[in-house]
Amino acid sequence: MIESGEKEKLMELLRERLIECGWRDEMKALCRAYARKKGRNNVTVDDLIDVITPKGRASVPDSVKAELLQRIRSFLMAAAL
């Protein structure tokens, strides 16, 4: 997938879909809220990652997951031929 450039295409598709569905804005809002709660000077990137990652993964829409999975399957089927 890496050599063919398919991985990068899938990553771009994922970025587009997450922006379209508002996921990215939701994660930005969660980060801002956490920073306000803890105080901006008391928050590190690692803190944000620890807090936001579980919520972010859980909130990716099923339709986006399904579309990505279908694209991966299609790629693997085409590569197997």
Protein backbone atom coordinates (compact mmCIF):
# COMPACT_ATOMS: atom_id res chain seq x y z
CA MET A 1 0.00 0.00 0.00
CA ILE A 2 2.84 2.37 0.74
CA GLU A 3 4.73 1.75 -2.49
CA SER A 4 1.65 2.21 -4.64
CA GLY A 5 0.71 5.47 -2.93
CA GLU A 6 -2.63 4.01 -1.82
CA LYS A 7 -1.89 4.64 1.86
CA GLU A 8 -1.53 8.37 1.22
CA LYS A 9 -4.74 8.41 -0.84
CA LEU A 10 -6.59 6.69 2.00
CA MET A 11 -5.18 9.13 4.56
CA GLU A 12 -6.34 12.06 2.43
CA LEU A 13 -9.80 10.51 2.04
CA LEU A 14 -10.00 10.04 5.80
CA ARG A 15 -9.00 13.67 6.41
CA GLU A 16 -11.65 14.89 3.98
CA ARG A 17 -14.41 12.74 5.46
CA LEU A 18 -13.59 13.71 9.04
CA ILE A 19 -13.67 17.39 8.12
CA GLU A 20 -16.96 16.97 6.21
CA CYS A 21 -18.72 15.28 9.12
CA GLY A 22 -17.51 17.83 11.68
CA TRP A 23 -15.31 15.40 13.57
CA ARG A 24 -12.25 17.63 13.31
CA ASP A 25 -14.11 20.64 14.70
CA GLU A 26 -15.47 18.51 17.53
CA MET A 27 -11.94 17.38 18.47
CA LYS A 28 -10.66 20.97 18.34
CA ALA A 29 -13.48 22.01 20.67
CA LEU A 30 -12.62 19.21 23.10
CA CYS A 31 -8.97 20.29 23.10
CA ARG A 32 -9.90 23.91 23.74
CA ALA A 33 -12.27 22.96 26.55
CA TYR A 34 -9.62 20.80 28.20
CA ALA A 35 -7.04 23.58 27.90
CA ARG A 36 -9.45 26.09 29.46
CA LYS A 37 -10.25 23.69 32.29
CA LYS A 38 -6.63 22.93 33.15
CA GLY A 39 -5.18 26.30 32.24
CA ARG A 40 -3.35 26.80 28.97
CA ASN A 41 0.06 26.88 30.61
CA ASN A 42 -0.60 23.59 32.39
CA VAL A 43 -1.45 21.49 29.33
CA THR A 44 1.02 19.56 27.21
CA VAL A 45 0.52 17.92 23.85
CA ASP A 46 0.88 14.55 25.57
CA ASP A 47 -1.96 15.49 27.96
CA LEU A 48 -4.19 16.35 25.01
CA ILE A 49 -3.34 13.12 23.23
CA ASP A 50 -4.10 11.05 26.34
CA VAL A 51 -7.46 12.74 26.87
CA ILE A 52 -8.65 13.15 23.29
CA THR A 53 -7.49 9.91 21.61
CA PRO A 54 -10.09 7.58 23.16
CA LYS A 55 -12.89 10.05 22.50
CA GLY A 56 -11.64 10.71 18.98
CA ARG A 57 -11.46 7.05 18.03
CA ALA A 58 -14.87 6.33 19.49
CA SER A 59 -16.51 9.23 17.68
CA VAL A 60 -15.39 8.47 14.11
CA PRO A 61 -18.66 7.89 12.25
CA ASP A 62 -19.39 4.30 11.23
CA SER A 63 -20.00 5.45 7.66
CA VAL A 64 -16.43 6.78 7.45
CA LYS A 65 -15.03 3.55 8.88
CA ALA A 66 -17.09 1.49 6.44
CA GLU A 67 -16.00 3.56 3.45
CA LEU A 68 -12.34 3.24 4.37
CA LEU A 69 -12.66 -0.48 4.98
CA GLN A 70 -14.32 -0.93 1.59
CA ARG A 71 -11.55 1.00 -0.15
CA ILE A 72 -8.90 -1.13 1.58
CA ARG A 73 -10.70 -4.33 0.60
CA SER A 74 -11.01 -3.16 -3.00
CA PHE A 75 -7.31 -2.34 -3.12
CA LEU A 76 -6.33 -5.72 -1.67
CA MET A 77 -8.61 -7.57 -4.09
CA ALA A 78 -7.17 -5.70 -7.05
CA ALA A 79 -3.62 -6.33 -5.83
CA ALA A 80 -4.31 -10.04 -5.46
CA LEU A 81 -5.32 -10.38 -9.12
